[in-house]
Amino acid sequence: MEWVKWIIANWADVAKIIAEVIGAASVIIAITPTLKDDNFWLPIVKFIGKYIALNKKVDDTKRPK
């Protein structure tokens, strides 16, 4: 449980590192012309998008009218 206390105490730094990884991976994927680089970073971006991202997409077809 010490690691939880550490994360809570250093949350600003943890969030900064997460944002930097997302930004770096997104830039690398966008500017590299080959899929070899993209295939390395894509799982990281997908993981972050699925479990960490705050701007999750909403399916409007399932939303009540």
N, C-alpha and C. Protein backbone atom coordinates (compact mmCIF):
# COMPACT_ATOMS: atom_id res chain seq x y z
N MET A 1 0.81 -1.20 0.00
CA MET A 1 0.00 0.00 0.00
C MET A 1 0.85 1.27 0.00
N GLU A 2 2.12 1.10 0.16
CA GLU A 2 3.00 2.26 0.14
C GLU A 2 3.00 2.93 -1.23
N TRP A 3 2.87 2.12 -2.29
CA TRP A 3 2.89 2.70 -3.63
C TRP A 3 1.65 3.55 -3.87
N VAL A 4 0.53 3.22 -3.26
CA VAL A 4 -0.68 4.03 -3.39
C VAL A 4 -0.46 5.38 -2.72
N LYS A 5 0.12 5.36 -1.55
CA LYS A 5 0.41 6.61 -0.84
C LYS A 5 1.39 7.47 -1.65
N TRP A 6 2.37 6.81 -2.28
CA TRP A 6 3.34 7.54 -3.09
C TRP A 6 2.65 8.20 -4.29
N ILE A 7 1.76 7.45 -4.96
CA ILE A 7 1.05 8.00 -6.11
C ILE A 7 0.18 9.17 -5.69
N ILE A 8 -0.51 9.05 -4.58
CA ILE A 8 -1.36 10.14 -4.10
C ILE A 8 -0.51 11.37 -3.76
N ALA A 9 0.62 11.16 -3.13
CA ALA A 9 1.48 12.27 -2.74
C ALA A 9 2.13 12.93 -3.96
N ASN A 10 2.36 12.17 -5.02
CA ASN A 10 3.06 12.69 -6.20
C ASN A 10 2.16 12.71 -7.43
N TRP A 11 0.86 12.89 -7.24
CA TRP A 11 -0.08 12.78 -8.34
C TRP A 11 0.21 13.78 -9.46
N ALA A 12 0.64 14.98 -9.15
CA ALA A 12 0.92 15.97 -10.19
C ALA A 12 2.03 15.47 -11.12
N ASP A 13 3.06 14.88 -10.54
CA ASP A 13 4.15 14.35 -11.36
C ASP A 13 3.71 13.12 -12.16
N VAL A 14 2.89 12.28 -11.57
CA VAL A 14 2.39 11.09 -12.26
C VAL A 14 1.53 11.51 -13.45
N ALA A 15 0.65 12.47 -13.25
CA ALA A 15 -0.21 12.96 -14.33
C ALA A 15 0.62 13.60 -15.44
N LYS A 16 1.66 14.32 -15.06
CA LYS A 16 2.55 14.95 -16.04
C LYS A 16 3.24 13.89 -16.89
N ILE A 17 3.72 12.84 -16.28
CA ILE A 17 4.39 11.76 -17.02
C ILE A 17 3.41 11.07 -17.97
N ILE A 18 2.19 10.81 -17.51
CA ILE A 18 1.18 10.19 -18.36
C ILE A 18 0.90 11.07 -19.57
N ALA A 19 0.75 12.37 -19.34
CA ALA A 19 0.48 13.30 -20.44
C ALA A 19 1.64 13.35 -21.43
N GLU A 20 2.88 13.30 -20.92
CA GLU A 20 4.04 13.33 -21.79
C GLU A 20 4.14 12.06 -22.64
N VAL A 21 3.82 10.91 -22.06
CA VAL A 21 3.85 9.65 -22.82
C VAL A 21 2.78 9.68 -23.91
N ILE A 22 1.58 10.15 -23.57
CA ILE A 22 0.51 10.25 -24.56
C ILE A 22 0.92 11.19 -25.70
N GLY A 23 1.45 12.33 -25.34
CA GLY A 23 1.86 13.31 -26.35
C GLY A 23 2.97 12.79 -27.25
N ALA A 24 3.99 12.19 -26.65
CA ALA A 24 5.10 11.67 -27.44
C ALA A 24 4.65 10.55 -28.36
N ALA A 25 3.85 9.64 -27.86
CA ALA A 25 3.38 8.53 -28.68
C ALA A 25 2.50 9.04 -29.82
N SER A 26 1.64 9.98 -29.54
CA SER A 26 0.76 10.51 -30.58
C SER A 26 1.54 11.24 -31.66
N VAL A 27 2.55 12.00 -31.26
CA VAL A 27 3.36 12.72 -32.24
C VAL A 27 4.16 11.73 -33.10
N ILE A 28 4.75 10.75 -32.48
CA ILE A 28 5.53 9.76 -33.23
C ILE A 28 4.65 9.02 -34.22
N ILE A 29 3.46 8.63 -33.78
CA ILE A 29 2.55 7.92 -34.68
C ILE A 29 2.13 8.83 -35.84
N ALA A 30 1.94 10.09 -35.57
CA ALA A 30 1.47 11.02 -36.61
C ALA A 30 2.55 11.35 -37.63
N ILE A 31 3.81 11.47 -37.20
CA ILE A 31 4.84 11.95 -38.13
C ILE A 31 5.65 10.86 -38.80
N THR A 32 5.59 9.65 -38.33
CA THR A 32 6.38 8.59 -38.96
C THR A 32 5.59 7.97 -40.11
N PRO A 33 6.26 7.79 -41.25
CA PRO A 33 5.56 7.27 -42.42
C PRO A 33 5.40 5.75 -42.41
N THR A 34 6.13 5.05 -41.57
CA THR A 34 6.07 3.59 -41.59
C THR A 34 5.17 3.06 -40.48
N LEU A 35 4.61 1.90 -40.71
CA LEU A 35 3.76 1.27 -39.70
C LEU A 35 4.58 0.58 -38.61
N LYS A 36 5.87 0.34 -38.86
CA LYS A 36 6.70 -0.33 -37.87
C LYS A 36 6.74 0.48 -36.57
N ASP A 37 6.94 1.78 -36.68
CA ASP A 37 6.95 2.64 -35.48
C ASP A 37 5.57 2.69 -34.85
N ASP A 38 4.56 2.81 -35.70
CA ASP A 38 3.19 2.91 -35.19
C ASP A 38 2.79 1.65 -34.43
N ASN A 39 3.19 0.50 -34.91
CA ASN A 39 2.83 -0.76 -34.26
C ASN A 39 3.43 -0.87 -32.87
N PHE A 40 4.57 -0.22 -32.62
CA PHE A 40 5.18 -0.23 -31.30
C PHE A 40 4.38 0.65 -30.34
N TRP A 41 3.99 1.85 -30.78
CA TRP A 41 3.34 2.82 -29.90
C TRP A 41 1.84 2.66 -29.81
N LEU A 42 1.22 2.07 -30.83
CA LEU A 42 -0.23 1.97 -30.86
C LEU A 42 -0.85 1.26 -29.65
N PRO A 43 -0.30 0.15 -29.17
CA PRO A 43 -0.89 -0.48 -27.97
C PRO A 43 -0.85 0.44 -26.74
N ILE A 44 0.20 1.23 -26.64
CA ILE A 44 0.30 2.15 -25.50
C ILE A 44 -0.80 3.20 -25.59
N VAL A 45 -0.99 3.76 -26.78
CA VAL A 45 -2.02 4.77 -26.96
C VAL A 45 -3.41 4.18 -26.74
N LYS A 46 -3.65 2.96 -27.24
CA LYS A 46 -4.95 2.32 -27.04
C LYS A 46 -5.21 2.04 -25.56
N PHE A 47 -4.20 1.57 -24.84
CA PHE A 47 -4.35 1.30 -23.41
C PHE A 47 -4.70 2.58 -22.66
N ILE A 48 -3.96 3.62 -22.95
CA ILE A 48 -4.20 4.89 -22.27
C ILE A 48 -5.58 5.42 -22.62
N GLY A 49 -5.96 5.30 -23.88
CA GLY A 49 -7.28 5.76 -24.29
C GLY A 49 -8.40 4.98 -23.64
N LYS A 50 -8.19 3.70 -23.42
CA LYS A 50 -9.24 2.86 -22.86
C LYS A 50 -9.35 3.00 -21.34
N TYR A 51 -8.23 3.06 -20.64
CA TYR A 51 -8.26 3.00 -19.18
C TYR A 51 -7.96 4.32 -18.47
N ILE A 52 -7.27 5.23 -19.15
CA ILE A 52 -6.83 6.43 -18.44
C ILE A 52 -7.48 7.71 -18.98
N ALA A 53 -7.80 7.76 -20.25
CA ALA A 53 -8.28 8.99 -20.88
C ALA A 53 -9.55 9.51 -20.22
N LEU A 54 -9.63 10.81 -20.13
CA LEU A 54 -10.78 11.44 -19.52
C LEU A 54 -11.84 11.79 -20.56
N ASN A 55 -11.46 11.87 -21.81
CA ASN A 55 -12.39 12.28 -22.87
C ASN A 55 -12.88 11.06 -23.64
N LYS A 56 -13.54 10.17 -22.95
CA LYS A 56 -14.04 8.95 -23.57
C LYS A 56 -15.16 9.28 -24.54
N LYS A 57 -15.19 8.55 -25.65
CA LYS A 57 -16.23 8.77 -26.64
C LYS A 57 -17.54 8.16 -26.15
N VAL A 58 -18.64 8.81 -26.48
CA VAL A 58 -19.96 8.36 -26.07
C VAL A 58 -20.70 7.92 -27.32
N ASP A 59 -21.33 6.77 -27.26
CA ASP A 59 -22.13 6.27 -28.37
C ASP A 59 -23.51 6.91 -28.29
N ASP A 60 -23.78 7.85 -29.20
CA ASP A 60 -25.05 8.57 -29.18
C ASP A 60 -26.24 7.70 -29.55
N THR A 61 -26.01 6.57 -30.20
CA THR A 61 -27.13 5.72 -30.60
C THR A 61 -27.76 5.04 -29.40
N LYS A 62 -27.04 4.87 -28.32
CA LYS A 62 -27.56 4.20 -27.13
C LYS A 62 -28.11 5.19 -26.11
N ARG A 63 -28.01 6.45 -26.39
CA ARG A 63 -28.46 7.47 -25.47
C ARG A 63 -29.98 7.65 -25.58
N PRO A 64 -30.70 7.71 -24.46
CA PRO A 64 -32.16 7.92 -24.54
C PRO A 64 -32.48 9.29 -25.11
N LYS A 65 -33.59 9.35 -25.83
CA LYS A 65 -33.97 10.63 -26.46
C LYS A 65 -35.02 11.36 -25.68
